[in-house]
Every structure is written in structure tokens, then in C-alpha cells.
């Protein structure tokens, strides 16, 4: 899939490019709870998460469009904790509970409905 920038470079509007393409970013984890987690931007759809000194948490955006994939890769040696948007659950887990992503494991997250997130962890 093309990046949003590449989509805009071939004539798509900025809005179309962001809807159809990936926006590659890096996010540093913060804390280990949903309240202190780094909140990802809705347009950051391909994210490398870095963790350090127990600062491992990121939270999926509350304004994420339904069924838009978010590819998250943890580049650190500590497991990254991925939290759903506030009030949500991942793969039927507890409300506001985390999903753990090990080092160098890419995972795809989709917002299936208002409070339901689905995750597929690579092998």
C-alpha cells in the first residue's frame, strides 16, 4: 500500500490520500496505563513504537474511522502495551485493557465499532 504522501503526489486530494494511504510515524511509549499512554493520531496508520525504561504504552485514537487498519510495530526490547481508545476493548478483552506486542512483532488493529477493536498479531 502506498503512503498518503505518495497518493497525493499522483493527484489525490489530501483527504483522499489520508483515507487510502498509510502515514508512517514513530511514537514513544509513555507509562504503563491507558491514562498515561501516548495517544496515537488518527492519521498515523503505520507506527513504529519505541519503549524505554518501563515507558511502554500507546493508545489507539478515539477518532479512528471504522475499519481503517493501523499497523503497529514494536521496535524495542520491552513489550509495548497497546490500549484501545477510551471505553474500548481489543479482541473481546476487558474495557480499556491493553494488548501486548513483543519486540519486532507487527500487529494490525481495526476499529470494528464504537468500542470494539480487533487485533491480528503476526506470527
PDB file of N, CA and C in Angstrom:
ATOM      1  N   UNK A   1       0.838  -1.172   0.000  1.00  0.00           N
ATOM      2  CA  UNK A   1       0.000   0.000   0.000  1.00  0.00           C
ATOM      3  C   UNK A   1       0.880   1.231   0.000  1.00  0.00           C
ATOM      4  N   UNK A   2       0.457   2.247  -0.683  1.00  0.00           N
ATOM      5  CA  UNK A   2       1.203   3.495  -0.796  1.00  0.00           C
ATOM      6  C   UNK A   2       1.037   4.355   0.445  1.00  0.00           C
ATOM      7  N   UNK A   3       1.992   5.251   0.632  1.00  0.00           N
ATOM      8  CA  UNK A   3       1.843   6.209   1.718  1.00  0.00           C
ATOM      9  C   UNK A   3       0.867   7.297   1.290  1.00  0.00           C
ATOM     10  N   UNK A   4       0.334   8.007   2.251  1.00  0.00           N
ATOM     11  CA  UNK A   4      -0.586   9.100   1.957  1.00  0.00           C
ATOM     12  C   UNK A   4       0.099  10.145   1.085  1.00  0.00           C
ATOM     13  N   UNK A   5       1.367  10.424   1.360  1.00  0.00           N
ATOM     14  CA  UNK A   5       2.124  11.399   0.574  1.00  0.00           C
ATOM     15  C   UNK A   5       2.233  10.963  -0.883  1.00  0.00           C
ATOM     16  N   UNK A   6       2.501   9.681  -1.104  1.00  0.00           N
ATOM     17  CA  UNK A   6       2.574   9.179  -2.476  1.00  0.00           C
ATOM     18  C   UNK A   6       1.235   9.283  -3.183  1.00  0.00           C
ATOM     19  N   UNK A   7       0.151   9.025  -2.458  1.00  0.00           N
ATOM     20  CA  UNK A   7      -1.181   9.128  -3.048  1.00  0.00           C
ATOM     21  C   UNK A   7      -1.460  10.574  -3.490  1.00  0.00           C
ATOM     22  N   UNK A   8      -1.061  11.538  -2.656  1.00  0.00           N
ATOM     23  CA  UNK A   8      -1.262  12.938  -3.005  1.00  0.00           C
ATOM     24  C   UNK A   8      -0.369  13.336  -4.170  1.00  0.00           C
ATOM     25  N   UNK A   9       0.801  12.709  -4.268  1.00  0.00           N
ATOM     26  CA  UNK A   9       1.741  13.011  -5.345  1.00  0.00           C
ATOM     27  C   UNK A   9       1.254  12.599  -6.722  1.00  0.00           C
ATOM     28  N   UNK A  10       0.311  11.673  -6.779  1.00  0.00           N
ATOM     29  CA  UNK A  10      -0.222  11.254  -8.078  1.00  0.00           C
ATOM     30  C   UNK A  10      -1.598  11.850  -8.356  1.00  0.00           C
ATOM     31  N   UNK A  11      -1.995  12.856  -7.580  1.00  0.00           N
ATOM     32  CA  UNK A  11      -3.194  13.594  -7.904  1.00  0.00           C
ATOM     33  C   UNK A  11      -4.373  13.456  -6.968  1.00  0.00           C
ATOM     34  N   UNK A  12      -4.287  12.597  -5.961  1.00  0.00           N
ATOM     35  CA  UNK A  12      -5.387  12.505  -4.993  1.00  0.00           C
ATOM     36  C   UNK A  12      -5.341  13.713  -4.071  1.00  0.00           C
ATOM     37  N   UNK A  13      -6.499  14.140  -3.591  1.00  0.00           N
ATOM     38  CA  UNK A  13      -6.535  15.241  -2.630  1.00  0.00           C
ATOM     39  C   UNK A  13      -5.907  14.770  -1.319  1.00  0.00           C
ATOM     40  N   UNK A  14      -5.612  15.717  -0.435  1.00  0.00           N
ATOM     41  CA  UNK A  14      -5.025  15.364   0.860  1.00  0.00           C
ATOM     42  C   UNK A  14      -5.952  14.433   1.629  1.00  0.00           C
ATOM     43  N   UNK A  15      -7.242  14.719   1.634  1.00  0.00           N
ATOM     44  CA  UNK A  15      -8.199  13.883   2.351  1.00  0.00           C
ATOM     45  C   UNK A  15      -8.249  12.468   1.763  1.00  0.00           C
ATOM     46  N   UNK A  16      -8.277  12.362   0.445  1.00  0.00           N
ATOM     47  CA  UNK A  16      -8.279  11.044  -0.192  1.00  0.00           C
ATOM     48  C   UNK A  16      -6.982  10.299   0.110  1.00  0.00           C
ATOM     49  N   UNK A  17      -5.870  11.009   0.037  1.00  0.00           N
ATOM     50  CA  UNK A  17      -4.578  10.379   0.315  1.00  0.00           C
ATOM     51  C   UNK A  17      -4.504   9.818   1.719  1.00  0.00           C
ATOM     52  N   UNK A  18      -5.024  10.567   2.694  1.00  0.00           N
ATOM     53  CA  UNK A  18      -5.013  10.103   4.080  1.00  0.00           C
ATOM     54  C   UNK A  18      -5.963   8.926   4.290  1.00  0.00           C
ATOM     55  N   UNK A  19      -7.083   8.910   3.564  1.00  0.00           N
ATOM     56  CA  UNK A  19      -8.027   7.798   3.692  1.00  0.00           C
ATOM     57  C   UNK A  19      -7.514   6.528   3.042  1.00  0.00           C
ATOM     58  N   UNK A  20      -6.800   6.660   1.948  1.00  0.00           N
ATOM     59  CA  UNK A  20      -6.395   5.491   1.169  1.00  0.00           C
ATOM     60  C   UNK A  20      -4.950   5.052   1.419  1.00  0.00           C
ATOM     61  N   UNK A  21      -4.111   5.948   1.882  1.00  0.00           N
ATOM     62  CA  UNK A  21      -2.697   5.626   2.055  1.00  0.00           C
ATOM     63  C   UNK A  21      -2.299   5.552   3.514  1.00  0.00           C
ATOM     64  N   UNK A  22      -1.100   5.058   3.744  1.00  0.00           N
ATOM     65  CA  UNK A  22      -0.562   4.965   5.098  1.00  0.00           C
ATOM     66  C   UNK A  22       0.232   6.210   5.429  1.00  0.00           C
ATOM     67  N   UNK A  23       0.195   6.593   6.690  1.00  0.00           N
ATOM     68  CA  UNK A  23       1.009   7.688   7.196  1.00  0.00           C
ATOM     69  C   UNK A  23       1.992   7.067   8.185  1.00  0.00           C
ATOM     70  N   UNK A  24       3.269   7.035   7.824  1.00  0.00           N
ATOM     71  CA  UNK A  24       4.294   6.374   8.625  1.00  0.00           C
ATOM     72  C   UNK A  24       4.822   7.332   9.683  1.00  0.00           C
ATOM     73  N   UNK A  25       4.813   6.890  10.959  1.00  0.00           N
ATOM     74  CA  UNK A  25       5.290   7.718  12.063  1.00  0.00           C
ATOM     75  C   UNK A  25       5.997   6.845  13.106  1.00  0.00           C
ATOM     76  N   UNK A  26       6.589   7.511  14.071  1.00  0.00           N
ATOM     77  CA  UNK A  26       7.186   6.858  15.235  1.00  0.00           C
ATOM     78  C   UNK A  26       6.548   7.465  16.474  1.00  0.00           C
ATOM     79  N   UNK A  27       6.258   6.623  17.458  1.00  0.00           N
ATOM     80  CA  UNK A  27       5.678   7.100  18.714  1.00  0.00           C
ATOM     81  C   UNK A  27       6.432   6.491  19.881  1.00  0.00           C
ATOM     82  N   UNK A  28       6.766   7.304  20.848  1.00  0.00           N
ATOM     83  CA  UNK A  28       7.429   6.819  22.060  1.00  0.00           C
ATOM     84  C   UNK A  28       6.370   6.464  23.088  1.00  0.00           C
ATOM     85  N   UNK A  29       6.448   5.260  23.635  1.00  0.00           N
ATOM     86  CA  UNK A  29       5.519   4.849  24.677  1.00  0.00           C
ATOM     87  C   UNK A  29       5.670   5.715  25.915  1.00  0.00           C
ATOM     88  N   UNK A  30       4.571   5.856  26.658  1.00  0.00           N
ATOM     89  CA  UNK A  30       4.597   6.628  27.904  1.00  0.00           C
ATOM     90  C   UNK A  30       3.814   5.869  28.957  1.00  0.00           C
ATOM     91  N   UNK A  31       4.423   5.647  30.103  1.00  0.00           N
ATOM     92  CA  UNK A  31       3.746   4.964  31.205  1.00  0.00           C
ATOM     93  C   UNK A  31       3.393   3.526  30.876  1.00  0.00           C
ATOM     94  N   UNK A  32       2.516   2.955  31.701  1.00  0.00           N
ATOM     95  CA  UNK A  32       2.074   1.571  31.508  1.00  0.00           C
ATOM     96  C   UNK A  32       0.569   1.438  31.694  1.00  0.00           C
ATOM     97  N   UNK A  33      -0.150   2.549  31.647  1.00  0.00           N
ATOM     98  CA  UNK A  33      -1.606   2.546  31.841  1.00  0.00           C
ATOM     99  C   UNK A  33      -2.260   3.379  30.756  1.00  0.00           C
ATOM    100  N   UNK A  34      -3.538   3.132  30.533  1.00  0.00           N
ATOM    101  CA  UNK A  34      -4.251   3.877  29.491  1.00  0.00           C
ATOM    102  C   UNK A  34      -4.254   5.375  29.752  1.00  0.00           C
ATOM    103  N   UNK A  35      -4.311   5.789  31.018  1.00  0.00           N
ATOM    104  CA  UNK A  35      -4.358   7.212  31.361  1.00  0.00           C
ATOM    105  C   UNK A  35      -3.070   7.945  31.015  1.00  0.00           C
ATOM    106  N   UNK A  36      -1.936   7.250  31.036  1.00  0.00           N
ATOM    107  CA  UNK A  36      -0.651   7.900  30.773  1.00  0.00           C
ATOM    108  C   UNK A  36      -0.070   7.545  29.406  1.00  0.00           C
ATOM    109  N   UNK A  37      -0.766   6.718  28.650  1.00  0.00           N
ATOM    110  CA  UNK A  37      -0.262   6.255  27.357  1.00  0.00           C
ATOM    111  C   UNK A  37      -0.200   7.381  26.336  1.00  0.00           C
ATOM    112  N   UNK A  38       0.754   7.286  25.427  1.00  0.00           N
ATOM    113  CA  UNK A  38       0.839   8.202  24.296  1.00  0.00           C
ATOM    114  C   UNK A  38      -0.330   7.920  23.363  1.00  0.00           C
ATOM    115  N   UNK A  39      -1.118   8.931  23.053  1.00  0.00           N
ATOM    116  CA  UNK A  39      -2.272   8.751  22.172  1.00  0.00           C
ATOM    117  C   UNK A  39      -1.810   8.904  20.722  1.00  0.00           C
ATOM    118  N   UNK A  40      -2.094   7.885  19.915  1.00  0.00           N
ATOM    119  CA  UNK A  40      -1.727   7.936  18.509  1.00  0.00           C
ATOM    120  C   UNK A  40      -2.685   8.851  17.757  1.00  0.00           C
ATOM    121  N   UNK A  41      -2.185   9.493  16.723  1.00  0.00           N
ATOM    122  CA  UNK A  41      -3.021  10.353  15.887  1.00  0.00           C
ATOM    123  C   UNK A  41      -3.795   9.484  14.909  1.00  0.00           C
ATOM    124  N   UNK A  42      -4.998   9.908  14.551  1.00  0.00           N
ATOM    125  CA  UNK A  42      -5.833   9.088  13.680  1.00  0.00           C
ATOM    126  C   UNK A  42      -5.208   8.892  12.303  1.00  0.00           C
ATOM    127  N   UNK A  43      -4.360   9.814  11.868  1.00  0.00           N
ATOM    128  CA  UNK A  43      -3.728   9.690  10.568  1.00  0.00           C
ATOM    129  C   UNK A  43      -2.423   8.902  10.610  1.00  0.00           C
ATOM    130  N   UNK A  44      -1.976   8.519  11.798  1.00  0.00           N
ATOM    131  CA  UNK A  44      -0.751   7.718  11.930  1.00  0.00           C
ATOM    132  C   UNK A  44      -1.123   6.244  11.815  1.00  0.00           C
ATOM    133  N   UNK A  45      -1.091   5.726  10.601  1.00  0.00           N
ATOM    134  CA  UNK A  45      -1.607   4.382  10.367  1.00  0.00           C
ATOM    135  C   UNK A  45      -0.525   3.322  10.240  1.00  0.00           C
ATOM    136  N   UNK A  46       0.721   3.710  10.222  1.00  0.00           N
ATOM    137  CA  UNK A  46       1.835   2.761  10.240  1.00  0.00           C
ATOM    138  C   UNK A  46       2.828   3.308  11.263  1.00  0.00           C
ATOM    139  N   UNK A  47       2.802   2.746  12.471  1.00  0.00           N
ATOM    140  CA  UNK A  47       3.525   3.340  13.594  1.00  0.00           C
ATOM    141  C   UNK A  47       4.587   2.378  14.117  1.00  0.00           C
ATOM    142  N   UNK A  48       5.802   2.892  14.266  1.00  0.00           N
ATOM    143  CA  UNK A  48       6.836   2.169  14.987  1.00  0.00           C
ATOM    144  C   UNK A  48       6.831   2.708  16.403  1.00  0.00           C
ATOM    145  N   UNK A  49       6.580   1.819  17.361  1.00  0.00           N
ATOM    146  CA  UNK A  49       6.535   2.211  18.771  1.00  0.00           C
ATOM    147  C   UNK A  49       7.896   1.941  19.388  1.00  0.00           C
ATOM    148  N   UNK A  50       8.414   2.927  20.099  1.00  0.00           N
ATOM    149  CA  UNK A  50       9.646   2.757  20.853  1.00  0.00           C
ATOM    150  C   UNK A  50       9.307   2.765  22.331  1.00  0.00           C
ATOM    151  N   UNK A  51      10.014   1.959  23.084  1.00  0.00           N
ATOM    152  CA  UNK A  51       9.785   1.898  24.525  1.00  0.00           C
ATOM    153  C   UNK A  51      11.128   2.051  25.235  1.00  0.00           C
ATOM    154  N   UNK A  52      11.102   2.599  26.439  1.00  0.00           N
ATOM    155  CA  UNK A  52      12.327   2.765  27.213  1.00  0.00           C
ATOM    156  C   UNK A  52      11.995   2.891  28.684  1.00  0.00           C
ATOM    157  N   UNK A  53      12.780   2.228  29.509  1.00  0.00           N
ATOM    158  CA  UNK A  53      12.685   2.361  30.963  1.00  0.00           C
ATOM    159  C   UNK A  53      11.266   2.221  31.495  1.00  0.00           C
ATOM    160  N   UNK A  54      10.545   1.222  31.020  1.00  0.00           N
ATOM    161  CA  UNK A  54       9.204   0.977  31.513  1.00  0.00           C
ATOM    162  C   UNK A  54       8.138   1.873  30.908  1.00  0.00           C
ATOM    163  N   UNK A  55       8.510   2.756  30.002  1.00  0.00           N
ATOM    164  CA  UNK A  55       7.555   3.641  29.321  1.00  0.00           C
ATOM    165  C   UNK A  55       7.111   2.940  28.044  1.00  0.00           C
ATOM    166  N   UNK A  56       6.051   2.146  28.113  1.00  0.00           N
ATOM    167  CA  UNK A  56       5.749   1.236  27.018  1.00  0.00           C
ATOM    168  C   UNK A  56       4.375   1.387  26.387  1.00  0.00           C
ATOM    169  N   UNK A  57       3.522   2.290  26.875  1.00  0.00           N
ATOM    170  CA  UNK A  57       2.120   2.290  26.470  1.00  0.00           C
ATOM    171  C   UNK A  57       1.784   3.330  25.403  1.00  0.00           C
ATOM    172  N   UNK A  58       0.959   2.897  24.428  1.00  0.00           N
ATOM    173  CA  UNK A  58       0.340   3.810  23.469  1.00  0.00           C
ATOM    174  C   UNK A  58      -1.142   3.476  23.413  1.00  0.00           C
ATOM    175  N   UNK A  59      -1.952   4.470  23.040  1.00  0.00           N
ATOM    176  CA  UNK A  59      -3.400   4.277  22.971  1.00  0.00           C
ATOM    177  C   UNK A  59      -3.878   4.598  21.561  1.00  0.00           C
ATOM    178  N   UNK A  60      -4.752   3.745  21.045  1.00  0.00           N
ATOM    179  CA  UNK A  60      -5.323   3.944  19.721  1.00  0.00           C
ATOM    180  C   UNK A  60      -6.237   5.168  19.737  1.00  0.00           C
ATOM    181  N   UNK A  61      -6.339   5.870  18.620  1.00  0.00           N
ATOM    182  CA  UNK A  61      -7.097   7.129  18.609  1.00  0.00           C
ATOM    183  C   UNK A  61      -8.602   6.945  18.747  1.00  0.00           C
ATOM    184  N   UNK A  62      -9.222   7.824  19.519  1.00  0.00           N
ATOM    185  CA  UNK A  62     -10.670   7.739  19.734  1.00  0.00           C
ATOM    186  C   UNK A  62     -11.451   8.205  18.511  1.00  0.00           C
ATOM    187  N   UNK A  63     -10.804   8.932  17.615  1.00  0.00           N
ATOM    188  CA  UNK A  63     -11.479   9.398  16.402  1.00  0.00           C
ATOM    189  C   UNK A  63     -11.101   8.571  15.171  1.00  0.00           C
ATOM    190  N   UNK A  64     -10.591   7.362  15.402  1.00  0.00           N
ATOM    191  CA  UNK A  64     -10.223   6.484  14.291  1.00  0.00           C
ATOM    192  C   UNK A  64     -11.462   6.088  13.488  1.00  0.00           C
ATOM    193  N   UNK A  65     -11.379   6.166  12.165  1.00  0.00           N
ATOM    194  CA  UNK A  65     -12.509   5.720  11.355  1.00  0.00           C
ATOM    195  C   UNK A  65     -12.723   4.210  11.507  1.00  0.00           C
ATOM    196  N   UNK A  66     -13.956   3.769  11.352  1.00  0.00           N
ATOM    197  CA  UNK A  66     -14.237   2.336  11.420  1.00  0.00           C
ATOM    198  C   UNK A  66     -13.520   1.611  10.291  1.00  0.00           C
ATOM    199  N   UNK A  67     -12.988   0.449  10.596  1.00  0.00           N
ATOM    200  CA  UNK A  67     -12.338  -0.476   9.671  1.00  0.00           C
ATOM    201  C   UNK A  67     -11.094   0.073   8.973  1.00  0.00           C
ATOM    202  N   UNK A  68     -10.502   1.104   9.519  1.00  0.00           N
ATOM    203  CA  UNK A  68      -9.230   1.593   8.983  1.00  0.00           C
ATOM    204  C   UNK A  68      -8.105   0.852   9.693  1.00  0.00           C
ATOM    205  N   UNK A  69      -7.200   0.214   8.939  1.00  0.00           N
ATOM    206  CA  UNK A  69      -6.131  -0.543   9.588  1.00  0.00           C
ATOM    207  C   UNK A  69      -5.048   0.368  10.168  1.00  0.00           C
ATOM    208  N   UNK A  70      -4.573  -0.010  11.346  1.00  0.00           N
ATOM    209  CA  UNK A  70      -3.434   0.639  11.993  1.00  0.00           C
ATOM    210  C   UNK A  70      -2.366  -0.424  12.188  1.00  0.00           C
ATOM    211  N   UNK A  71      -1.262  -0.317  11.471  1.00  0.00           N
ATOM    212  CA  UNK A  71      -0.159  -1.257  11.588  1.00  0.00           C
ATOM    213  C   UNK A  71       0.811  -0.716  12.625  1.00  0.00           C
ATOM    214  N   UNK A  72       1.002  -1.479  13.691  1.00  0.00           N
ATOM    215  CA  UNK A  72       1.886  -1.053  14.772  1.00  0.00           C
ATOM    216  C   UNK A  72       2.988  -2.080  14.946  1.00  0.00           C
ATOM    217  N   UNK A  73       4.226  -1.590  14.976  1.00  0.00           N
ATOM    218  CA  UNK A  73       5.398  -2.449  15.161  1.00  0.00           C
ATOM    219  C   UNK A  73       6.180  -1.939  16.364  1.00  0.00           C
ATOM    220  N   UNK A  74       6.515  -2.850  17.249  1.00  0.00           N
ATOM    221  CA  UNK A  74       7.313  -2.502  18.421  1.00  0.00           C
ATOM    222  C   UNK A  74       8.781  -2.732  18.078  1.00  0.00           C
ATOM    223  N   UNK A  75       9.578  -1.677  18.101  1.00  0.00           N
ATOM    224  CA  UNK A  75      10.996  -1.791  17.743  1.00  0.00           C
ATOM    225  C   UNK A  75      11.906  -1.956  18.953  1.00  0.00           C
ATOM    226  N   UNK A  76      11.345  -2.029  20.147  1.00  0.00           N
ATOM    227  CA  UNK A  76      12.140  -2.063  21.375  1.00  0.00           C
ATOM    228  C   UNK A  76      12.196  -3.460  21.975  1.00  0.00           C
ATOM    229  N   UNK A  77      13.088  -3.634  22.941  1.00  0.00           N
ATOM    230  CA  UNK A  77      13.225  -4.945  23.581  1.00  0.00           C
ATOM    231  C   UNK A  77      12.139  -5.201  24.623  1.00  0.00           C
ATOM    232  N   UNK A  78      11.497  -4.148  25.132  1.00  0.00           N
ATOM    233  CA  UNK A  78      10.375  -4.309  26.058  1.00  0.00           C
ATOM    234  C   UNK A  78       9.090  -4.486  25.265  1.00  0.00           C
ATOM    235  N   UNK A  79       8.155  -5.249  25.806  1.00  0.00           N
ATOM    236  CA  UNK A  79       6.848  -5.377  25.158  1.00  0.00           C
ATOM    237  C   UNK A  79       6.138  -4.025  25.182  1.00  0.00           C
ATOM    238  N   UNK A  80       5.468  -3.701  24.087  1.00  0.00           N
ATOM    239  CA  UNK A  80       4.668  -2.481  24.032  1.00  0.00           C
ATOM    240  C   UNK A  80       3.241  -2.824  24.439  1.00  0.00           C
ATOM    241  N   UNK A  81       2.624  -1.951  25.213  1.00  0.00           N
ATOM    242  CA  UNK A  81       1.238  -2.122  25.608  1.00  0.00           C
ATOM    243  C   UNK A  81       0.384  -1.215  24.731  1.00  0.00           C
ATOM    244  N   UNK A  82      -0.516  -1.819  23.971  1.00  0.00           N
ATOM    245  CA  UNK A  82      -1.398  -1.065  23.088  1.00  0.00           C
ATOM    246  C   UNK A  82      -2.780  -1.045  23.737  1.00  0.00           C
ATOM    247  N   UNK A  83      -3.279   0.134  24.027  1.00  0.00           N
ATOM    248  CA  UNK A  83      -4.591   0.290  24.642  1.00  0.00           C
ATOM    249  C   UNK A  83      -5.602   0.718  23.583  1.00  0.00           C
ATOM    250  N   UNK A  84      -6.845   0.272  23.718  1.00  0.00           N
ATOM    251  CA  UNK A  84      -7.885   0.752  22.798  1.00  0.00           C
ATOM    252  C   UNK A  84      -8.218   2.203  23.117  1.00  0.00           C
ATOM    253  N   UNK A  85      -8.989   2.829  22.253  1.00  0.00           N
ATOM    254  CA  UNK A  85      -9.489   4.160  22.587  1.00  0.00           C
ATOM    255  C   UNK A  85     -10.314   4.039  23.873  1.00  0.00           C
ATOM    256  N   UNK A  86     -10.438   5.116  24.612  1.00  0.00           N
ATOM    257  CA  UNK A  86     -11.112   5.101  25.909  1.00  0.00           C
ATOM    258  C   UNK A  86     -12.500   4.468  25.810  1.00  0.00           C
ATOM    259  N   UNK A  87     -12.756   3.497  26.692  1.00  0.00           N
ATOM    260  CA  UNK A  87     -14.032   2.795  26.718  1.00  0.00           C
ATOM    261  C   UNK A  87     -14.091   1.598  25.790  1.00  0.00           C
ATOM    262  N   UNK A  88     -13.019   1.351  25.063  1.00  0.00           N
ATOM    263  CA  UNK A  88     -12.995   0.249  24.109  1.00  0.00           C
ATOM    264  C   UNK A  88     -12.342  -1.003  24.655  1.00  0.00           C
ATOM    265  N   UNK A  89     -12.422  -2.062  23.866  1.00  0.00           N
ATOM    266  CA  UNK A  89     -11.794  -3.335  24.202  1.00  0.00           C
ATOM    267  C   UNK A  89     -11.172  -3.917  22.941  1.00  0.00           C
ATOM    268  N   UNK A  90     -10.083  -4.648  23.107  1.00  0.00           N
ATOM    269  CA  UNK A  90      -9.386  -5.283  21.989  1.00  0.00           C
ATOM    270  C   UNK A  90      -9.605  -6.784  22.061  1.00  0.00           C
ATOM    271  N   UNK A  91     -10.100  -7.363  20.967  1.00  0.00           N
ATOM    272  CA  UNK A  91     -10.325  -8.810  20.853  1.00  0.00           C
ATOM    273  C   UNK A  91     -11.163  -9.374  22.001  1.00  0.00           C
ATOM    274  N   UNK A  92     -12.157  -8.630  22.429  1.00  0.00           N
ATOM    275  CA  UNK A  92     -13.053  -9.120  23.474  1.00  0.00           C
ATOM    276  C   UNK A  92     -12.470  -9.065  24.870  1.00  0.00           C
ATOM    277  N   UNK A  93     -11.335  -8.383  25.029  1.00  0.00           N
ATOM    278  CA  UNK A  93     -10.722  -8.262  26.351  1.00  0.00           C
ATOM    279  C   UNK A  93     -11.486  -7.277  27.224  1.00  0.00           C
ATOM    280  N   UNK A  94     -10.900  -6.946  28.347  1.00  0.00           N
ATOM    281  CA  UNK A  94     -11.570  -6.037  29.275  1.00  0.00           C
ATOM    282  C   UNK A  94     -11.580  -4.609  28.734  1.00  0.00           C
ATOM    283  N   UNK A  95     -12.555  -3.842  29.170  1.00  0.00           N
ATOM    284  CA  UNK A  95     -12.660  -2.445  28.767  1.00  0.00           C
ATOM    285  C   UNK A  95     -11.405  -1.701  29.197  1.00  0.00           C
ATOM    286  N   UNK A  96     -10.811  -0.985  28.283  1.00  0.00           N
ATOM    287  CA  UNK A  96      -9.580  -0.215  28.491  1.00  0.00           C
ATOM    288  C   UNK A  96      -8.381  -1.096  28.832  1.00  0.00           C
ATOM    289  N   UNK A  97      -8.469  -2.400  28.560  1.00  0.00           N
ATOM    290  CA  UNK A  97      -7.349  -3.316  28.806  1.00  0.00           C
ATOM    291  C   UNK A  97      -6.342  -3.276  27.672  1.00  0.00           C
ATOM    292  N   UNK A  98      -5.100  -3.578  27.982  1.00  0.00           N
ATOM    293  CA  UNK A  98      -4.035  -3.499  26.983  1.00  0.00           C
ATOM    294  C   UNK A  98      -3.877  -4.796  26.190  1.00  0.00           C
ATOM    295  N   UNK A  99      -3.231  -4.656  25.046  1.00  0.00           N
ATOM    296  CA  UNK A  99      -2.847  -5.766  24.184  1.00  0.00           C
ATOM    297  C   UNK A  99      -1.328  -5.669  24.071  1.00  0.00           C
ATOM    298  N   UNK A 100      -0.625  -6.736  24.386  1.00  0.00           N
ATOM    299  CA  UNK A 100       0.835  -6.711  24.418  1.00  0.00           C
ATOM    300  C   UNK A 100       1.425  -7.091  23.061  1.00  0.00           C
ATOM    301  N   UNK A 101       2.387  -6.288  22.600  1.00  0.00           N
ATOM    302  CA  UNK A 101       3.081  -6.553  21.339  1.00  0.00           C
ATOM    303  C   UNK A 101       4.565  -6.711  21.650  1.00  0.00           C
ATOM    304  N   UNK A 102       5.096  -7.893  21.370  1.00  0.00           N
ATOM    305  CA  UNK A 102       6.500  -8.186  21.640  1.00  0.00           C
ATOM    306  C   UNK A 102       7.422  -7.468  20.649  1.00  0.00           C
ATOM    307  N   UNK A 103       8.716  -7.517  20.927  1.00  0.00           N
ATOM    308  CA  UNK A 103       9.712  -6.871  20.079  1.00  0.00           C
ATOM    309  C   UNK A 103       9.608  -7.352  18.634  1.00  0.00           C
ATOM    310  N   UNK A 104       9.653  -6.400  17.720  1.00  0.00           N
ATOM    311  CA  UNK A 104       9.649  -6.646  16.269  1.00  0.00           C
ATOM    312  C   UNK A 104       8.451  -7.436  15.772  1.00  0.00           C
ATOM    313  N   UNK A 105       7.362  -7.404  16.505  1.00  0.00           N
ATOM    314  CA  UNK A 105       6.137  -8.083  16.082  1.00  0.00           C
ATOM    315  C   UNK A 105       5.150  -7.056  15.549  1.00  0.00           C
ATOM    316  N   UNK A 106       4.910  -7.053  14.249  1.00  0.00           N
ATOM    317  CA  UNK A 106       3.892  -6.148  13.730  1.00  0.00           C
ATOM    318  C   UNK A 106       2.498  -6.680  14.027  1.00  0.00           C
ATOM    319  N   UNK A 107       1.592  -5.765  14.321  1.00  0.00           N
ATOM    320  CA  UNK A 107       0.212  -6.116  14.634  1.00  0.00           C
ATOM    321  C   UNK A 107      -0.694  -5.136  13.911  1.00  0.00           C
ATOM    322  N   UNK A 108      -1.790  -5.633  13.380  1.00  0.00           N
ATOM    323  CA  UNK A 108      -2.758  -4.772  12.712  1.00  0.00           C
ATOM    324  C   UNK A 108      -3.985  -4.648  13.612  1.00  0.00           C
ATOM    325  N   UNK A 109      -4.423  -3.414  13.838  1.00  0.00           N
ATOM    326  CA  UNK A 109      -5.598  -3.113  14.645  1.00  0.00           C
ATOM    327  C   UNK A 109      -6.649  -2.453  13.764  1.00  0.00           C
ATOM    328  N   UNK A 110      -7.915  -2.827  13.964  1.00  0.00           N
ATOM    329  CA  UNK A 110      -9.042  -2.205  13.280  1.00  0.00           C
ATOM    330  C   UNK A 110     -10.074  -1.810  14.314  1.00  0.00           C
ATOM    331  N   UNK A 111     -10.665  -0.666  14.131  1.00  0.00           N
ATOM    332  CA  UNK A 111     -11.798  -0.270  14.962  1.00  0.00           C
ATOM    333  C   UNK A 111     -13.042  -0.823  14.277  1.00  0.00           C
ATOM    334  N   UNK A 112     -13.603  -1.854  14.859  1.00  0.00           N
ATOM    335  CA  UNK A 112     -14.715  -2.582  14.254  1.00  0.00           C
ATOM    336  C   UNK A 112     -16.052  -1.890  14.500  1.00  0.00           C
ATOM    337  N   UNK A 113     -16.207  -1.299  15.678  1.00  0.00           N
ATOM    338  CA  UNK A 113     -17.383  -0.493  16.012  1.00  0.00           C
ATOM    339  C   UNK A 113     -16.937   0.524  17.064  1.00  0.00           C
ATOM    340  N   UNK A 114     -17.875   1.274  17.616  1.00  0.00           N
ATOM    341  CA  UNK A 114     -17.511   2.375  18.515  1.00  0.00           C
ATOM    342  C   UNK A 114     -16.536   1.962  19.612  1.00  0.00           C
ATOM    343  N   UNK A 115     -16.753   0.816  20.259  1.00  0.00           N
ATOM    344  CA  UNK A 115     -15.890   0.395  21.370  1.00  0.00           C
ATOM    345  C   UNK A 115     -15.242  -0.958  21.163  1.00  0.00           C
ATOM    346  N   UNK A 116     -15.268  -1.455  19.947  1.00  0.00           N
ATOM    347  CA  UNK A 116     -14.697  -2.780  19.665  1.00  0.00           C
ATOM    348  C   UNK A 116     -13.528  -2.644  18.701  1.00  0.00           C
ATOM    349  N   UNK A 117     -12.356  -3.077  19.158  1.00  0.00           N
ATOM    350  CA  UNK A 117     -11.161  -3.124  18.332  1.00  0.00           C
ATOM    351  C   UNK A 117     -10.788  -4.587  18.107  1.00  0.00           C
ATOM    352  N   UNK A 118     -10.275  -4.873  16.928  1.00  0.00           N
ATOM    353  CA  UNK A 118      -9.819  -6.208  16.578  1.00  0.00           C
ATOM    354  C   UNK A 118      -8.330  -6.116  16.257  1.00  0.00           C
ATOM    355  N   UNK A 119      -7.547  -7.075  16.754  1.00  0.00           N
ATOM    356  CA  UNK A 119      -6.109  -7.090  16.501  1.00  0.00           C
ATOM    357  C   UNK A 119      -5.697  -8.436  15.937  1.00  0.00           C
ATOM    358  N   UNK A 120      -4.766  -8.380  14.980  1.00  0.00           N
ATOM    359  CA  UNK A 120      -4.158  -9.593  14.439  1.00  0.00           C
ATOM    360  C   UNK A 120      -2.667  -9.445  14.608  1.00  0.00           C
ATOM    361  N   UNK A 121      -2.075 -10.325  15.417  1.00  0.00           N
ATOM    362  CA  UNK A 121      -0.643 -10.317  15.707  1.00  0.00           C
ATOM    363  C   UNK A 121       0.052 -11.227  14.715  1.00  0.00           C
ATOM    364  N   UNK A 122       1.161 -10.766  14.120  1.00  0.00           N
ATOM    365  CA  UNK A 122       1.886 -11.604  13.166  1.00  0.00           C
ATOM    366  C   UNK A 122       2.575 -12.754  13.896  1.00  0.00           C
ATOM    367  N   UNK A 123       2.841 -13.796  13.162  1.00  0.00           N
ATOM    368  CA  UNK A 123       3.489 -14.979  13.747  1.00  0.00           C
ATOM    369  C   UNK A 123       4.966 -14.748  13.946  1.00  0.00           C
TER     370      UNK A 123
END
